N, C-alpha and C. Protein backbone atom coordinates (compact mmCIF):
# COMPACT_ATOMS: atom_id res chain seq x y z
N MET A 1 0.04 12.39 -8.63
CA MET A 1 -0.94 12.10 -7.57
C MET A 1 -0.81 13.32 -6.52
N PRO A 2 -1.87 13.98 -6.17
CA PRO A 2 -1.81 14.94 -5.19
C PRO A 2 -1.36 14.37 -3.81
N ALA A 3 -0.72 15.14 -3.06
CA ALA A 3 -0.27 14.72 -1.70
C ALA A 3 -1.38 14.23 -0.90
N ALA A 4 -2.56 14.87 -1.00
CA ALA A 4 -3.66 14.49 -0.17
C ALA A 4 -4.15 13.07 -0.53
N ALA A 5 -3.99 12.62 -1.77
CA ALA A 5 -4.39 11.26 -2.09
C ALA A 5 -3.52 10.25 -1.46
N GLY A 6 -2.31 10.56 -1.20
CA GLY A 6 -1.37 9.62 -0.52
C GLY A 6 -1.73 9.45 0.97
N ARG A 7 -2.49 10.48 1.52
CA ARG A 7 -2.78 10.34 2.94
C ARG A 7 -4.15 9.75 3.18
N ALA A 8 -4.92 9.42 2.19
CA ALA A 8 -6.27 8.96 2.31
C ALA A 8 -6.37 7.64 3.17
N ALA A 9 -5.56 6.71 2.78
CA ALA A 9 -5.63 5.42 3.45
C ALA A 9 -5.21 5.53 4.91
N PRO A 10 -4.15 6.22 5.27
CA PRO A 10 -3.78 6.30 6.69
C PRO A 10 -4.90 7.06 7.46
N GLU A 11 -5.48 8.12 6.80
CA GLU A 11 -6.49 8.84 7.53
C GLU A 11 -7.71 8.11 7.75
N ALA A 12 -8.15 7.22 6.79
CA ALA A 12 -9.27 6.38 6.95
C ALA A 12 -9.09 5.41 8.03
N LEU A 13 -7.94 4.78 8.08
CA LEU A 13 -7.62 3.80 9.15
C LEU A 13 -7.63 4.44 10.52
N ALA A 14 -6.99 5.69 10.65
CA ALA A 14 -6.99 6.36 11.80
C ALA A 14 -8.42 6.78 12.34
N ALA A 15 -9.18 7.23 11.42
CA ALA A 15 -10.64 7.55 11.80
C ALA A 15 -11.35 6.28 12.31
N ALA A 16 -10.99 5.13 11.86
CA ALA A 16 -11.62 3.96 12.37
C ALA A 16 -10.99 3.43 13.61
N GLY A 17 -10.09 4.10 14.15
CA GLY A 17 -9.38 3.74 15.41
C GLY A 17 -8.30 2.75 15.26
N SER A 18 -7.74 2.63 14.13
CA SER A 18 -6.74 1.63 13.75
C SER A 18 -5.37 2.36 13.61
N ASP A 19 -4.36 1.64 14.16
CA ASP A 19 -3.01 2.16 14.05
C ASP A 19 -2.13 1.30 13.14
N VAL A 20 -2.75 0.75 12.12
CA VAL A 20 -2.10 -0.13 11.16
C VAL A 20 -1.14 0.73 10.32
N PRO A 21 0.14 0.32 10.24
CA PRO A 21 1.06 1.10 9.35
C PRO A 21 0.65 0.91 7.85
N VAL A 22 0.78 2.03 7.10
CA VAL A 22 0.43 2.05 5.68
C VAL A 22 1.68 2.44 4.94
N THR A 23 2.02 1.66 3.84
CA THR A 23 3.18 1.92 3.01
C THR A 23 2.71 2.08 1.58
N GLY A 24 3.21 3.16 0.96
CA GLY A 24 2.80 3.40 -0.48
C GLY A 24 3.70 2.62 -1.39
N MET A 25 3.22 2.32 -2.55
CA MET A 25 4.00 1.69 -3.57
C MET A 25 3.71 2.33 -4.95
N LEU A 26 4.83 2.58 -5.64
CA LEU A 26 4.70 3.03 -7.04
C LEU A 26 5.19 1.91 -7.91
N VAL A 27 4.31 1.30 -8.75
CA VAL A 27 4.57 0.10 -9.48
C VAL A 27 4.73 0.46 -10.96
N PHE A 28 5.85 0.25 -11.58
CA PHE A 28 6.08 0.44 -13.05
C PHE A 28 5.85 -0.84 -13.69
N VAL A 29 4.87 -0.84 -14.57
CA VAL A 29 4.53 -2.10 -15.32
C VAL A 29 5.40 -2.39 -16.45
N ASP A 30 5.75 -1.42 -17.36
CA ASP A 30 6.56 -1.65 -18.55
C ASP A 30 7.85 -1.03 -18.45
N ALA A 31 8.50 -0.96 -17.38
CA ALA A 31 9.85 -0.41 -17.22
C ALA A 31 10.93 -1.43 -17.40
N ASP A 32 12.03 -1.03 -17.78
CA ASP A 32 13.20 -1.93 -17.89
C ASP A 32 13.87 -2.03 -16.59
N TRP A 33 13.66 -3.12 -15.89
CA TRP A 33 14.24 -3.33 -14.55
C TRP A 33 15.48 -4.18 -14.75
N PRO A 34 16.40 -4.09 -13.82
CA PRO A 34 16.41 -3.19 -12.68
C PRO A 34 16.75 -1.72 -12.93
N LEU A 35 16.07 -0.83 -12.49
CA LEU A 35 16.45 0.55 -12.54
C LEU A 35 17.24 0.91 -11.23
N PHE A 36 18.29 1.59 -11.44
CA PHE A 36 19.08 2.01 -10.29
C PHE A 36 19.44 0.82 -9.39
N GLY A 37 19.68 -0.36 -9.86
CA GLY A 37 20.05 -1.46 -9.10
C GLY A 37 18.89 -2.31 -8.52
N GLY A 38 17.64 -1.97 -8.88
CA GLY A 38 16.49 -2.81 -8.41
C GLY A 38 15.52 -1.88 -7.67
N ASP A 39 14.76 -2.53 -6.84
CA ASP A 39 13.65 -1.80 -6.16
C ASP A 39 14.30 -0.86 -5.14
N PHE A 40 13.64 0.21 -4.82
CA PHE A 40 14.11 1.17 -3.81
C PHE A 40 13.02 1.87 -3.20
N ALA A 41 13.27 2.72 -2.20
CA ALA A 41 12.22 3.50 -1.61
C ALA A 41 12.68 4.94 -1.53
N THR A 42 11.65 5.85 -1.71
CA THR A 42 12.01 7.27 -1.62
C THR A 42 10.85 7.91 -0.86
N GLN A 43 11.20 8.66 0.13
CA GLN A 43 10.14 9.44 0.97
C GLN A 43 9.15 8.39 1.46
N GLY A 44 9.57 7.23 1.81
CA GLY A 44 8.67 6.18 2.36
C GLY A 44 7.71 5.50 1.36
N VAL A 45 8.03 5.65 0.05
CA VAL A 45 7.22 4.98 -1.03
C VAL A 45 8.13 4.07 -1.66
N LYS A 46 7.70 2.77 -1.77
CA LYS A 46 8.52 1.69 -2.47
C LYS A 46 8.29 1.88 -3.92
N VAL A 47 9.35 1.77 -4.70
CA VAL A 47 9.29 1.86 -6.10
C VAL A 47 9.77 0.55 -6.70
N LEU A 48 8.97 -0.15 -7.46
CA LEU A 48 9.17 -1.51 -7.88
C LEU A 48 8.36 -2.00 -9.11
N TRP A 49 8.55 -3.25 -9.38
CA TRP A 49 7.81 -3.73 -10.52
C TRP A 49 6.74 -4.67 -10.05
N PRO A 50 5.76 -5.10 -10.91
CA PRO A 50 4.58 -5.85 -10.50
C PRO A 50 4.95 -7.20 -9.65
N LYS A 51 5.91 -7.98 -10.06
CA LYS A 51 6.18 -9.21 -9.33
C LYS A 51 6.77 -8.90 -7.92
N LYS A 52 7.57 -7.89 -7.81
CA LYS A 52 8.13 -7.51 -6.51
C LYS A 52 6.98 -6.86 -5.68
N ALA A 53 6.03 -6.18 -6.28
CA ALA A 53 4.91 -5.60 -5.49
C ALA A 53 4.07 -6.76 -4.92
N THR A 54 3.94 -7.79 -5.74
CA THR A 54 3.15 -9.00 -5.32
C THR A 54 3.78 -9.66 -4.11
N GLU A 55 5.01 -9.79 -4.18
CA GLU A 55 5.78 -10.43 -3.06
C GLU A 55 5.57 -9.66 -1.71
N HIS A 56 5.54 -8.31 -1.78
CA HIS A 56 5.31 -7.47 -0.68
C HIS A 56 3.96 -7.61 -0.09
N ILE A 57 2.94 -7.64 -1.01
CA ILE A 57 1.55 -7.70 -0.66
C ILE A 57 1.22 -9.05 0.01
N LEU A 58 1.82 -10.10 -0.63
CA LEU A 58 1.41 -11.47 -0.09
C LEU A 58 2.25 -11.89 1.13
N LYS A 59 3.20 -11.09 1.60
CA LYS A 59 4.03 -11.40 2.69
C LYS A 59 3.22 -11.54 3.96
N ALA A 60 3.44 -12.61 4.76
CA ALA A 60 2.68 -12.78 5.93
C ALA A 60 2.91 -11.59 6.83
N GLY A 61 1.83 -11.20 7.54
CA GLY A 61 1.97 -10.09 8.46
C GLY A 61 1.50 -10.46 9.85
N PRO A 62 1.40 -9.47 10.74
CA PRO A 62 1.03 -9.77 12.15
C PRO A 62 -0.33 -9.85 12.46
N PHE A 63 -1.22 -9.69 11.45
CA PHE A 63 -2.67 -9.63 11.69
C PHE A 63 -3.38 -10.96 11.39
N ALA A 64 -4.37 -11.34 12.23
CA ALA A 64 -5.14 -12.49 11.87
C ALA A 64 -6.13 -12.21 10.84
N GLY A 65 -6.72 -13.21 10.21
CA GLY A 65 -7.65 -13.00 9.17
C GLY A 65 -8.83 -12.10 9.42
N ASP A 66 -9.45 -12.21 10.63
CA ASP A 66 -10.59 -11.42 10.94
C ASP A 66 -10.17 -9.90 10.99
N VAL A 67 -8.98 -9.57 11.43
CA VAL A 67 -8.45 -8.23 11.47
C VAL A 67 -8.26 -7.67 10.05
N VAL A 68 -7.74 -8.53 9.24
CA VAL A 68 -7.48 -8.17 7.78
C VAL A 68 -8.85 -7.87 7.25
N THR A 69 -9.83 -8.71 7.39
CA THR A 69 -11.21 -8.53 6.79
C THR A 69 -11.76 -7.16 7.31
N ALA A 70 -11.60 -6.94 8.65
CA ALA A 70 -12.10 -5.61 9.11
C ALA A 70 -11.43 -4.37 8.50
N LEU A 71 -10.12 -4.52 8.33
CA LEU A 71 -9.35 -3.40 7.73
C LEU A 71 -9.77 -3.21 6.22
N HIS A 72 -10.06 -4.34 5.51
CA HIS A 72 -10.45 -4.31 4.23
C HIS A 72 -11.73 -3.60 4.07
N ARG A 73 -12.66 -3.90 4.93
CA ARG A 73 -14.02 -3.25 4.95
C ARG A 73 -13.86 -1.72 5.34
N THR A 74 -13.00 -1.41 6.14
CA THR A 74 -12.86 0.06 6.47
C THR A 74 -12.32 0.81 5.29
N LEU A 75 -11.30 0.25 4.56
CA LEU A 75 -10.76 0.87 3.37
C LEU A 75 -11.75 0.98 2.29
N ALA A 76 -12.59 -0.11 2.11
CA ALA A 76 -13.57 -0.20 1.04
C ALA A 76 -14.59 0.94 1.24
N ARG A 77 -14.98 1.10 2.44
CA ARG A 77 -15.92 2.19 2.77
C ARG A 77 -15.33 3.58 2.47
N ALA A 78 -13.99 3.73 2.70
CA ALA A 78 -13.43 5.01 2.59
C ALA A 78 -13.10 5.43 1.15
N PHE A 79 -13.00 4.41 0.34
CA PHE A 79 -12.64 4.71 -1.11
C PHE A 79 -13.73 4.31 -1.99
N THR A 80 -14.28 5.20 -2.83
CA THR A 80 -15.37 4.93 -3.71
C THR A 80 -14.80 4.26 -4.97
N ASN A 81 -15.60 3.58 -5.75
CA ASN A 81 -15.23 3.01 -7.00
C ASN A 81 -14.88 4.07 -8.08
N ALA A 82 -13.97 3.80 -8.85
CA ALA A 82 -13.58 4.86 -9.88
C ALA A 82 -14.59 4.93 -10.92
């Protein structure tokens, strides 16, 4: 993945006037876990397996539902369908 692709979400949120923290995840689907003792982070990117990624994604955060919806719309506009 080019470095620019890793900056797209933070840049889209910043352009919309949002200061929401963005964390990258590299998820290995068919890896033999635990690798190196389990999940880990490198250069601010979490490296983990699908179930662990789901735990992070579904974790309650500091934003109310309407804020999450607005952030979702901002990111959906910034990223086109593949």
